[in-house]
PDB file of N, CA and C in Angstrom:
ATOM      1  N   UNK A   1      23.583 111.936  -0.478  1.00  0.00           N
ATOM      2  CA  UNK A   1      24.317 112.011   0.562  1.00  0.00           C
ATOM      3  C   UNK A   1      25.989 111.534   0.194  1.00  0.00           C
ATOM      4  N   UNK A   2      25.991 110.152  -0.552  1.00  0.00           N
ATOM      5  CA  UNK A   2      27.323 109.916  -0.926  1.00  0.00           C
ATOM      6  C   UNK A   2      28.165 110.822  -1.338  1.00  0.00           C
ATOM      7  N   UNK A   3      27.740 111.454  -1.963  1.00  0.00           N
ATOM      8  CA  UNK A   3      28.487 112.370  -2.777  1.00  0.00           C
ATOM      9  C   UNK A   3      29.180 113.428  -1.702  1.00  0.00           C
ATOM     10  N   UNK A   4      28.756 113.594  -0.611  1.00  0.00           N
ATOM     11  CA  UNK A   4      29.363 114.176   0.392  1.00  0.00           C
ATOM     12  C   UNK A   4      30.629 113.701   1.130  1.00  0.00           C
ATOM     13  N   UNK A   5      30.075 112.437   1.018  1.00  0.00           N
ATOM     14  CA  UNK A   5      30.726 111.223   1.941  1.00  0.00           C
ATOM     15  C   UNK A   5      32.340 110.900   1.357  1.00  0.00           C
ATOM     16  N   UNK A   6      32.159 110.910  -0.401  1.00  0.00           N
ATOM     17  CA  UNK A   6      33.399 110.955  -0.909  1.00  0.00           C
ATOM     18  C   UNK A   6      34.221 112.365  -1.272  1.00  0.00           C
ATOM     19  N   UNK A   7      33.236 113.201  -0.900  1.00  0.00           N
ATOM     20  CA  UNK A   7      33.960 114.984  -0.699  1.00  0.00           C
ATOM     21  C   UNK A   7      34.850 115.101   0.141  1.00  0.00           C
ATOM     22  N   UNK A   8      34.053 114.530   1.534  1.00  0.00           N
ATOM     23  CA  UNK A   8      35.201 114.806   2.732  1.00  0.00           C
ATOM     24  C   UNK A   8      36.486 113.481   2.689  1.00  0.00           C
ATOM     25  N   UNK A   9      36.223 112.444   1.869  1.00  0.00           N
ATOM     26  CA  UNK A   9      37.614 111.316   1.581  1.00  0.00           C
ATOM     27  C   UNK A   9      38.359 112.108   1.031  1.00  0.00           C
ATOM     28  N   UNK A  10      37.648 112.399  -0.019  1.00  0.00           N
ATOM     29  CA  UNK A  10      39.129 113.589  -1.124  1.00  0.00           C
ATOM     30  C   UNK A  10      39.608 114.479  -0.303  1.00  0.00           C
ATOM     31  N   UNK A  11      38.543 115.253   0.345  1.00  0.00           N
ATOM     32  CA  UNK A  11      39.679 116.473   0.833  1.00  0.00           C
ATOM     33  C   UNK A  11      40.777 116.153   2.349  1.00  0.00           C
ATOM     34  N   UNK A  12      39.779 114.435   3.204  1.00  0.00           N
ATOM     35  CA  UNK A  12      41.206 114.237   3.837  1.00  0.00           C
ATOM     36  C   UNK A  12      42.553 113.660   2.961  1.00  0.00           C
ATOM     37  N   UNK A  13      42.299 113.491   1.925  1.00  0.00           N
ATOM     38  CA  UNK A  13      43.291 112.840   1.526  1.00  0.00           C
ATOM     39  C   UNK A  13      44.005 113.685   0.379  1.00  0.00           C
ATOM     40  N   UNK A  14      43.495 115.024   0.293  1.00  0.00           N
ATOM     41  CA  UNK A  14      44.164 116.024  -0.037  1.00  0.00           C
ATOM     42  C   UNK A  14      45.088 116.475   1.141  1.00  0.00           C
ATOM     43  N   UNK A  15      44.541 116.377   1.962  1.00  0.00           N
ATOM     44  CA  UNK A  15      45.382 117.578   3.073  1.00  0.00           C
ATOM     45  C   UNK A  15      46.622 117.071   3.378  1.00  0.00           C
ATOM     46  N   UNK A  16      46.407 115.531   3.696  1.00  0.00           N
ATOM     47  CA  UNK A  16      47.196 114.099   3.959  1.00  0.00           C
ATOM     48  C   UNK A  16      48.372 114.642   3.088  1.00  0.00           C
ATOM     49  N   UNK A  17      48.076 114.571   1.954  1.00  0.00           N
ATOM     50  CA  UNK A  17      49.141 114.703   1.133  1.00  0.00           C
ATOM     51  C   UNK A  17      50.075 116.077   0.917  1.00  0.00           C
ATOM     52  N   UNK A  18      49.131 117.028   1.573  1.00  0.00           N
ATOM     53  CA  UNK A  18      49.889 117.745   1.426  1.00  0.00           C
ATOM     54  C   UNK A  18      50.592 118.380   2.729  1.00  0.00           C
ATOM     55  N   UNK A  19      50.243 117.743   3.568  1.00  0.00           N
ATOM     56  CA  UNK A  19      50.920 117.736   4.955  1.00  0.00           C
ATOM     57  C   UNK A  19      52.596 116.827   4.642  1.00  0.00           C
ATOM     58  N   UNK A  20      51.959 116.000   4.301  1.00  0.00           N
ATOM     59  CA  UNK A  20      53.331 114.934   3.790  1.00  0.00           C
ATOM     60  C   UNK A  20      54.490 115.587   2.392  1.00  0.00           C
ATOM     61  N   UNK A  21      54.066 116.570   1.817  1.00  0.00           N
ATOM     62  CA  UNK A  21      54.795 117.258   1.116  1.00  0.00           C
ATOM     63  C   UNK A  21      55.587 118.090   1.575  1.00  0.00           C
ATOM     64  N   UNK A  22      54.752 118.537   2.390  1.00  0.00           N
ATOM     65  CA  UNK A  22      55.675 118.950   3.724  1.00  0.00           C
ATOM     66  C   UNK A  22      56.583 118.744   4.448  1.00  0.00           C
ATOM     67  N   UNK A  23      56.863 117.283   4.826  1.00  0.00           N
ATOM     68  CA  UNK A  23      57.799 116.656   5.197  1.00  0.00           C
ATOM     69  C   UNK A  23      58.488 116.036   4.432  1.00  0.00           C
ATOM     70  N   UNK A  24      58.590 115.429   3.481  1.00  0.00           N
ATOM     71  CA  UNK A  24      59.433 115.311   2.055  1.00  0.00           C
ATOM     72  C   UNK A  24      60.291 116.271   2.003  1.00  0.00           C
ATOM     73  N   UNK A  25      59.329 117.621   1.579  1.00  0.00           N
ATOM     74  CA  UNK A  25      60.393 118.664   1.530  1.00  0.00           C
ATOM     75  C   UNK A  25      61.458 119.123   2.599  1.00  0.00           C
ATOM     76  N   UNK A  26      61.121 119.091   3.336  1.00  0.00           N
ATOM     77  CA  UNK A  26      62.258 119.106   4.515  1.00  0.00           C
ATOM     78  C   UNK A  26      63.526 117.831   4.914  1.00  0.00           C
ATOM     79  N   UNK A  27      63.271 117.086   3.463  1.00  0.00           N
ATOM     80  CA  UNK A  27      64.517 115.838   4.206  1.00  0.00           C
ATOM     81  C   UNK A  27      64.055 114.134   3.727  1.00  0.00           C
ATOM     82  N   UNK A  28      62.929 114.249   4.398  1.00  0.00           N
ATOM     83  CA  UNK A  28      62.796 112.929   4.230  1.00  0.00           C
ATOM     84  C   UNK A  28      61.470 112.193   3.194  1.00  0.00           C
ATOM     85  N   UNK A  29      62.277 112.139   2.021  1.00  0.00           N
ATOM     86  CA  UNK A  29      62.449 111.768   0.670  1.00  0.00           C
ATOM     87  C   UNK A  29      61.389 110.515   0.330  1.00  0.00           C
ATOM     88  N   UNK A  30      60.934 109.557   1.414  1.00  0.00           N
ATOM     89  CA  UNK A  30      60.316 108.280   1.616  1.00  0.00           C
ATOM     90  C   UNK A  30      58.620 108.624   2.031  1.00  0.00           C
ATOM     91  N   UNK A  31      58.478 110.066   2.124  1.00  0.00           N
ATOM     92  CA  UNK A  31      57.311 110.767   1.711  1.00  0.00           C
ATOM     93  C   UNK A  31      56.938 111.097   0.929  1.00  0.00           C
ATOM     94  N   UNK A  32      57.506 111.342  -0.398  1.00  0.00           N
ATOM     95  CA  UNK A  32      56.840 111.238  -1.437  1.00  0.00           C
ATOM     96  C   UNK A  32      56.171 110.302  -2.240  1.00  0.00           C
ATOM     97  N   UNK A  33      56.140 109.043  -1.801  1.00  0.00           N
ATOM     98  CA  UNK A  33      55.310 107.951  -1.616  1.00  0.00           C
ATOM     99  C   UNK A  33      54.085 108.492  -1.520  1.00  0.00           C
ATOM    100  N   UNK A  34      53.961 109.144   0.044  1.00  0.00           N
ATOM    101  CA  UNK A  34      52.586 108.983   0.670  1.00  0.00           C
ATOM    102  C   UNK A  34      51.708 110.331   0.073  1.00  0.00           C
ATOM    103  N   UNK A  35      52.616 111.284  -0.581  1.00  0.00           N
ATOM    104  CA  UNK A  35      52.419 112.347  -1.565  1.00  0.00           C
ATOM    105  C   UNK A  35      51.548 112.086  -2.847  1.00  0.00           C
ATOM    106  N   UNK A  36      52.277 110.810  -3.435  1.00  0.00           N
ATOM    107  CA  UNK A  36      51.464 110.546  -4.730  1.00  0.00           C
ATOM    108  C   UNK A  36      50.321 109.916  -4.645  1.00  0.00           C
ATOM    109  N   UNK A  37      50.730 108.835  -3.787  1.00  0.00           N
ATOM    110  CA  UNK A  37      48.902 108.111  -3.486  1.00  0.00           C
ATOM    111  C   UNK A  37      47.989 108.842  -2.646  1.00  0.00           C
ATOM    112  N   UNK A  38      48.329 110.365  -1.865  1.00  0.00           N
ATOM    113  CA  UNK A  38      47.302 110.902  -1.237  1.00  0.00           C
ATOM    114  C   UNK A  38      46.685 111.496  -2.282  1.00  0.00           C
ATOM    115  N   UNK A  39      47.297 112.088  -3.440  1.00  0.00           N
ATOM    116  CA  UNK A  39      46.889 113.103  -4.639  1.00  0.00           C
ATOM    117  C   UNK A  39      46.089 112.200  -5.472  1.00  0.00           C
ATOM    118  N   UNK A  40      46.476 110.861  -5.881  1.00  0.00           N
ATOM    119  CA  UNK A  40      45.532 109.989  -6.672  1.00  0.00           C
ATOM    120  C   UNK A  40      44.432 109.769  -5.880  1.00  0.00           C
ATOM    121  N   UNK A  41      44.482 109.566  -4.949  1.00  0.00           N
ATOM    122  CA  UNK A  41      43.547 108.979  -4.058  1.00  0.00           C
ATOM    123  C   UNK A  41      42.187 110.213  -4.019  1.00  0.00           C
ATOM    124  N   UNK A  42      43.123 111.516  -3.833  1.00  0.00           N
ATOM    125  CA  UNK A  42      42.229 112.577  -3.678  1.00  0.00           C
ATOM    126  C   UNK A  42      41.409 113.099  -4.858  1.00  0.00           C
ATOM    127  N   UNK A  43      41.880 113.002  -6.185  1.00  0.00           N
ATOM    128  CA  UNK A  43      41.504 113.371  -6.946  1.00  0.00           C
ATOM    129  C   UNK A  43      40.356 112.438  -7.622  1.00  0.00           C
ATOM    130  N   UNK A  44      40.907 110.952  -7.108  1.00  0.00           N
ATOM    131  CA  UNK A  44      39.592 110.036  -7.793  1.00  0.00           C
ATOM    132  C   UNK A  44      38.595 109.906  -6.963  1.00  0.00           C
ATOM    133  N   UNK A  45      38.866 110.303  -5.240  1.00  0.00           N
ATOM    134  CA  UNK A  45      37.922 110.218  -4.869  1.00  0.00           C
ATOM    135  C   UNK A  45      36.439 111.560  -5.138  1.00  0.00           C
ATOM    136  N   UNK A  46      37.114 113.084  -5.842  1.00  0.00           N
ATOM    137  CA  UNK A  46      36.521 114.012  -6.053  1.00  0.00           C
ATOM    138  C   UNK A  46      35.751 113.431  -7.494  1.00  0.00           C
ATOM    139  N   UNK A  47      36.420 113.224  -8.206  1.00  0.00           N
ATOM    140  CA  UNK A  47      36.053 112.084  -9.429  1.00  0.00           C
ATOM    141  C   UNK A  47      34.813 111.808  -9.106  1.00  0.00           C
ATOM    142  N   UNK A  48      34.696 110.765  -8.405  1.00  0.00           N
ATOM    143  CA  UNK A  48      33.574 109.691  -7.835  1.00  0.00           C
ATOM    144  C   UNK A  48      32.273 110.631  -6.908  1.00  0.00           C
ATOM    145  N   UNK A  49      32.813 111.500  -5.985  1.00  0.00           N
ATOM    146  CA  UNK A  49      32.051 112.807  -6.270  1.00  0.00           C
ATOM    147  C   UNK A  49      30.946 112.874  -6.922  1.00  0.00           C
ATOM    148  N   UNK A  50      31.983 113.702  -8.243  1.00  0.00           N
ATOM    149  CA  UNK A  50      30.945 114.372  -9.215  1.00  0.00           C
ATOM    150  C   UNK A  50      30.390 113.397  -9.842  1.00  0.00           C
ATOM    151  N   UNK A  51      30.936 112.389 -10.252  1.00  0.00           N
ATOM    152  CA  UNK A  51      29.725 111.072 -10.548  1.00  0.00           C
ATOM    153  C   UNK A  51      28.741 110.735  -9.662  1.00  0.00           C
ATOM    154  N   UNK A  52      28.370 111.346  -8.579  1.00  0.00           N
ATOM    155  CA  UNK A  52      27.600 110.959  -8.211  1.00  0.00           C
ATOM    156  C   UNK A  52      26.440 112.221  -7.907  1.00  0.00           C
ATOM    157  N   UNK A  53      27.234 113.018  -8.359  1.00  0.00           N
ATOM    158  CA  UNK A  53      26.075 114.378  -8.617  1.00  0.00           C
ATOM    159  C   UNK A  53      26.374 115.602  -8.002  1.00  0.00           C
ATOM    160  N   UNK A  54      27.697 115.772  -7.259  1.00  0.00           N
ATOM    161  CA  UNK A  54      27.855 116.794  -6.663  1.00  0.00           C
ATOM    162  C   UNK A  54      28.204 118.008  -7.723  1.00  0.00           C
ATOM    163  N   UNK A  55      27.600 118.988  -7.807  1.00  0.00           N
ATOM    164  CA  UNK A  55      28.021 120.324  -8.758  1.00  0.00           C
ATOM    165  C   UNK A  55      29.454 120.448  -8.722  1.00  0.00           C
ATOM    166  N   UNK A  56      29.876 120.885  -9.800  1.00  0.00           N
ATOM    167  CA  UNK A  56      31.197 121.041  -9.665  1.00  0.00           C
ATOM    168  C   UNK A  56      31.837 122.609  -9.102  1.00  0.00           C
ATOM    169  N   UNK A  57      30.772 123.289  -8.513  1.00  0.00           N
ATOM    170  CA  UNK A  57      31.313 124.919  -8.215  1.00  0.00           C
ATOM    171  C   UNK A  57      31.003 124.138  -6.578  1.00  0.00           C
ATOM    172  N   UNK A  58      30.212 123.599  -6.022  1.00  0.00           N
ATOM    173  CA  UNK A  58      29.627 123.071  -4.658  1.00  0.00           C
ATOM    174  C   UNK A  58      31.354 122.517  -4.406  1.00  0.00           C
ATOM    175  N   UNK A  59      31.276 121.595  -4.931  1.00  0.00           N
ATOM    176  CA  UNK A  59      32.558 120.393  -4.591  1.00  0.00           C
ATOM    177  C   UNK A  59      33.782 121.197  -4.536  1.00  0.00           C
ATOM    178  N   UNK A  60      34.010 122.038  -5.608  1.00  0.00           N
ATOM    179  CA  UNK A  60      35.390 122.851  -5.917  1.00  0.00           C
ATOM    180  C   UNK A  60      35.755 123.750  -4.550  1.00  0.00           C
ATOM    181  N   UNK A  61      34.502 124.556  -4.398  1.00  0.00           N
ATOM    182  CA  UNK A  61      34.147 125.273  -3.206  1.00  0.00           C
ATOM    183  C   UNK A  61      34.691 125.255  -1.793  1.00  0.00           C
ATOM    184  N   UNK A  62      33.567 123.581  -1.376  1.00  0.00           N
ATOM    185  CA  UNK A  62      33.767 123.377  -0.770  1.00  0.00           C
ATOM    186  C   UNK A  62      35.378 122.135   0.016  1.00  0.00           C
ATOM    187  N   UNK A  63      36.126 122.173  -1.221  1.00  0.00           N
ATOM    188  CA  UNK A  63      37.389 120.870  -1.392  1.00  0.00           C
ATOM    189  C   UNK A  63      38.357 122.571  -1.047  1.00  0.00           C
ATOM    190  N   UNK A  64      38.432 123.529  -1.418  1.00  0.00           N
ATOM    191  CA  UNK A  64      39.206 124.362  -1.381  1.00  0.00           C
ATOM    192  C   UNK A  64      39.371 125.294   0.058  1.00  0.00           C
ATOM    193  N   UNK A  65      38.060 125.564  -0.084  1.00  0.00           N
ATOM    194  CA  UNK A  65      37.974 126.166   1.682  1.00  0.00           C
ATOM    195  C   UNK A  65      38.226 125.108   3.052  1.00  0.00           C
ATOM    196  N   UNK A  66      38.042 123.951   2.574  1.00  0.00           N
ATOM    197  CA  UNK A  66      38.381 122.664   3.864  1.00  0.00           C
ATOM    198  C   UNK A  66      39.438 122.992   3.623  1.00  0.00           C
ATOM    199  N   UNK A  67      40.272 122.595   2.134  1.00  0.00           N
ATOM    200  CA  UNK A  67      41.630 122.417   2.233  1.00  0.00           C
ATOM    201  C   UNK A  67      42.550 123.286   2.844  1.00  0.00           C
ATOM    202  N   UNK A  68      42.298 124.719   2.691  1.00  0.00           N
ATOM    203  CA  UNK A  68      42.785 125.456   3.229  1.00  0.00           C
ATOM    204  C   UNK A  68      42.776 125.483   5.016  1.00  0.00           C
ATOM    205  N   UNK A  69      41.470 125.538   5.111  1.00  0.00           N
ATOM    206  CA  UNK A  69      41.495 125.964   6.346  1.00  0.00           C
ATOM    207  C   UNK A  69      42.138 124.366   7.548  1.00  0.00           C
ATOM    208  N   UNK A  70      42.113 123.448   7.016  1.00  0.00           N
ATOM    209  CA  UNK A  70      42.461 122.236   7.541  1.00  0.00           C
ATOM    210  C   UNK A  70      44.090 121.995   7.488  1.00  0.00           C
ATOM    211  N   UNK A  71      44.776 122.659   6.415  1.00  0.00           N
ATOM    212  CA  UNK A  71      46.341 122.635   6.007  1.00  0.00           C
ATOM    213  C   UNK A  71      46.770 123.526   6.847  1.00  0.00           C
ATOM    214  N   UNK A  72      45.937 124.460   6.603  1.00  0.00           N
ATOM    215  CA  UNK A  72      46.175 125.705   7.923  1.00  0.00           C
ATOM    216  C   UNK A  72      46.748 125.744   9.665  1.00  0.00           C
ATOM    217  N   UNK A  73      45.226 124.867  10.174  1.00  0.00           N
ATOM    218  CA  UNK A  73      45.505 124.103  11.091  1.00  0.00           C
ATOM    219  C   UNK A  73      46.177 122.675  11.451  1.00  0.00           C
ATOM    220  N   UNK A  74      46.656 121.921  10.615  1.00  0.00           N
ATOM    221  CA  UNK A  74      47.453 121.096  10.925  1.00  0.00           C
ATOM    222  C   UNK A  74      48.926 121.548  10.941  1.00  0.00           C
ATOM    223  N   UNK A  75      48.961 122.250   9.976  1.00  0.00           N
ATOM    224  CA  UNK A  75      50.497 123.201   9.835  1.00  0.00           C
ATOM    225  C   UNK A  75      51.343 123.873  11.072  1.00  0.00           C
ATOM    226  N   UNK A  76      50.174 124.692  12.077  1.00  0.00           N
ATOM    227  CA  UNK A  76      50.370 125.095  12.668  1.00  0.00           C
ATOM    228  C   UNK A  76      50.471 124.008  13.852  1.00  0.00           C
ATOM    229  N   UNK A  77      49.806 122.769  14.394  1.00  0.00           N
ATOM    230  CA  UNK A  77      49.851 121.625  15.020  1.00  0.00           C
ATOM    231  C   UNK A  77      51.093 121.428  14.979  1.00  0.00           C
ATOM    232  N   UNK A  78      51.846 120.749  13.346  1.00  0.00           N
ATOM    233  CA  UNK A  78      52.438 119.916  13.495  1.00  0.00           C
ATOM    234  C   UNK A  78      53.605 120.051  13.004  1.00  0.00           C
ATOM    235  N   UNK A  79      54.169 121.274  12.522  1.00  0.00           N
ATOM    236  CA  UNK A  79      54.990 122.492  11.909  1.00  0.00           C
ATOM    237  C   UNK A  79      55.191 123.428  12.530  1.00  0.00           C
ATOM    238  N   UNK A  80      54.521 123.759  13.559  1.00  0.00           N
ATOM    239  CA  UNK A  80      54.284 125.051  14.477  1.00  0.00           C
ATOM    240  C   UNK A  80      54.534 126.210  13.565  1.00  0.00           C
ATOM    241  N   UNK A  81      54.116 126.500  12.403  1.00  0.00           N
ATOM    242  CA  UNK A  81      54.069 127.434  11.517  1.00  0.00           C
ATOM    243  C   UNK A  81      52.731 128.494  11.513  1.00  0.00           C
ATOM    244  N   UNK A  82      52.738 129.739  11.141  1.00  0.00           N
ATOM    245  CA  UNK A  82      51.983 131.140  11.731  1.00  0.00           C
ATOM    246  C   UNK A  82      50.670 130.769  11.291  1.00  0.00           C
ATOM    247  N   UNK A  83      50.006 130.844  12.275  1.00  0.00           N
ATOM    248  CA  UNK A  83      48.583 131.032  11.943  1.00  0.00           C
ATOM    249  C   UNK A  83      47.704 132.229  12.728  1.00  0.00           C
ATOM    250  N   UNK A  84      47.748 133.451  12.407  1.00  0.00           N
ATOM    251  CA  UNK A  84      47.806 134.843  12.515  1.00  0.00           C
ATOM    252  C   UNK A  84      46.273 134.795  12.502  1.00  0.00           C
ATOM    253  N   UNK A  85      45.610 135.924  13.386  1.00  0.00           N
ATOM    254  CA  UNK A  85      44.423 136.153  12.934  1.00  0.00           C
ATOM    255  C   UNK A  85      43.548 136.405  11.966  1.00  0.00           C
ATOM    256  N   UNK A  86      45.218 137.237  10.992  1.00  0.00           N
ATOM    257  CA  UNK A  86      44.733 138.278   9.424  1.00  0.00           C
ATOM    258  C   UNK A  86      44.318 136.767   8.774  1.00  0.00           C
ATOM    259  N   UNK A  87      45.068 135.408   9.375  1.00  0.00           N
ATOM    260  CA  UNK A  87      44.890 134.466   8.085  1.00  0.00           C
ATOM    261  C   UNK A  87      43.491 133.649   8.549  1.00  0.00           C
ATOM    262  N   UNK A  88      43.188 133.666  10.064  1.00  0.00           N
ATOM    263  CA  UNK A  88      41.729 133.226  10.426  1.00  0.00           C
ATOM    264  C   UNK A  88      40.871 134.067   9.513  1.00  0.00           C
ATOM    265  N   UNK A  89      41.230 135.000   9.476  1.00  0.00           N
ATOM    266  CA  UNK A  89      40.057 136.083   8.929  1.00  0.00           C
ATOM    267  C   UNK A  89      39.871 135.429   7.653  1.00  0.00           C
ATOM    268  N   UNK A  90      41.196 135.699   6.809  1.00  0.00           N
ATOM    269  CA  UNK A  90      40.754 134.983   5.145  1.00  0.00           C
ATOM    270  C   UNK A  90      40.048 133.790   5.493  1.00  0.00           C
ATOM    271  N   UNK A  91      40.787 132.580   5.764  1.00  0.00           N
ATOM    272  CA  UNK A  91      40.245 131.412   6.450  1.00  0.00           C
ATOM    273  C   UNK A  91      38.675 131.476   6.589  1.00  0.00           C
ATOM    274  N   UNK A  92      37.825 132.811   7.125  1.00  0.00           N
ATOM    275  CA  UNK A  92      36.591 132.629   7.593  1.00  0.00           C
ATOM    276  C   UNK A  92      35.710 133.207   6.012  1.00  0.00           C
ATOM    277  N   UNK A  93      36.714 134.149   5.715  1.00  0.00           N
ATOM    278  CA  UNK A  93      36.117 135.194   4.379  1.00  0.00           C
ATOM    279  C   UNK A  93      35.590 133.866   3.209  1.00  0.00           C
ATOM    280  N   UNK A  94      36.944 132.898   3.210  1.00  0.00           N
ATOM    281  CA  UNK A  94      36.520 131.784   1.982  1.00  0.00           C
ATOM    282  C   UNK A  94      35.477 130.966   2.348  1.00  0.00           C
ATOM    283  N   UNK A  95      35.322 130.624   4.037  1.00  0.00           N
ATOM    284  CA  UNK A  95      34.384 130.183   4.045  1.00  0.00           C
ATOM    285  C   UNK A  95      32.616 130.760   3.839  1.00  0.00           C
ATOM    286  N   UNK A  96      32.766 131.702   4.272  1.00  0.00           N
ATOM    287  CA  UNK A  96      31.513 132.144   4.128  1.00  0.00           C
ATOM    288  C   UNK A  96      31.222 132.654   2.190  1.00  0.00           C
ATOM    289  N   UNK A  97      32.219 132.729   1.317  1.00  0.00           N
ATOM    290  CA  UNK A  97      31.902 132.453   0.066  1.00  0.00           C
ATOM    291  C   UNK A  97      31.669 131.482  -0.536  1.00  0.00           C
ATOM    292  N   UNK A  98      31.761 130.093  -0.091  1.00  0.00           N
ATOM    293  CA  UNK A  98      31.479 128.671  -0.370  1.00  0.00           C
ATOM    294  C   UNK A  98      30.358 128.414   0.177  1.00  0.00           C
ATOM    295  N   UNK A  99      29.946 128.566   1.390  1.00  0.00           N
ATOM    296  CA  UNK A  99      28.802 129.069   1.850  1.00  0.00           C
ATOM    297  C   UNK A  99      27.348 129.693   1.032  1.00  0.00           C
ATOM    298  N   UNK A 100      27.824 131.222   0.367  1.00  0.00           N
ATOM    299  CA  UNK A 100      27.158 131.784  -0.062  1.00  0.00           C
ATOM    300  C   UNK A 100      26.760 130.796  -1.658  1.00  0.00           C
ATOM    301  N   UNK A 101      27.793 130.335  -2.620  1.00  0.00           N
ATOM    302  CA  UNK A 101      28.128 129.009  -3.281  1.00  0.00           C
ATOM    303  C   UNK A 101      27.193 128.442  -3.712  1.00  0.00           C
ATOM    304  N   UNK A 102      27.111 127.551  -1.982  1.00  0.00           N
ATOM    305  CA  UNK A 102      26.528 126.504  -2.174  1.00  0.00           C
ATOM    306  C   UNK A 102      24.825 127.094  -1.956  1.00  0.00           C
ATOM    307  N   UNK A 103      24.421 128.259  -1.178  1.00  0.00           N
ATOM    308  CA  UNK A 103      23.134 128.410  -1.003  1.00  0.00           C
ATOM    309  C   UNK A 103      22.620 128.597  -2.335  1.00  0.00           C
ATOM    310  N   UNK A 104      23.374 129.209  -3.441  1.00  0.00           N
ATOM    311  CA  UNK A 104      22.921 129.607  -4.643  1.00  0.00           C
ATOM    312  C   UNK A 104      22.488 128.227  -5.444  1.00  0.00           C
ATOM    313  N   UNK A 105      23.519 127.465  -5.247  1.00  0.00           N
ATOM    314  CA  UNK A 105      23.575 126.305  -6.146  1.00  0.00           C
ATOM    315  C   UNK A 105      22.144 125.512  -6.085  1.00  0.00           C
ATOM    316  N   UNK A 106      21.618 125.808  -4.835  1.00  0.00           N
ATOM    317  CA  UNK A 106      20.593 125.094  -4.450  1.00  0.00           C
ATOM    318  C   UNK A 106      19.162 125.724  -5.039  1.00  0.00           C
ATOM    319  N   UNK A 107      18.816 126.761  -5.273  1.00  0.00           N
ATOM    320  CA  UNK A 107      18.323 127.285  -5.904  1.00  0.00           C
ATOM    321  C   UNK A 107      18.122 127.237  -7.447  1.00  0.00           C
TER     322      UNK A 107
END
């Protein structure tokens, strides 16, 4: 179970770093430090999750799907970026794909 906690923390760090990158790219260069710390923390936590037995395919699938979904949602809320029905459909398809990978890995 600890591997999932570590993976969730890794996803949180990665999404935070990506959102900080958006702020930094808009001219607040002080946010690049947050970007660096966030990505280093994210990959360190992902590594720890893998060390605790999380299969790579499952970890990366969850990481990617959650990262896409959360980044899109928070970008909409924080930066008023578009989040269309087609985009939501694409996110749903990614999540279904990850679910199938996880189900396949458990057999």
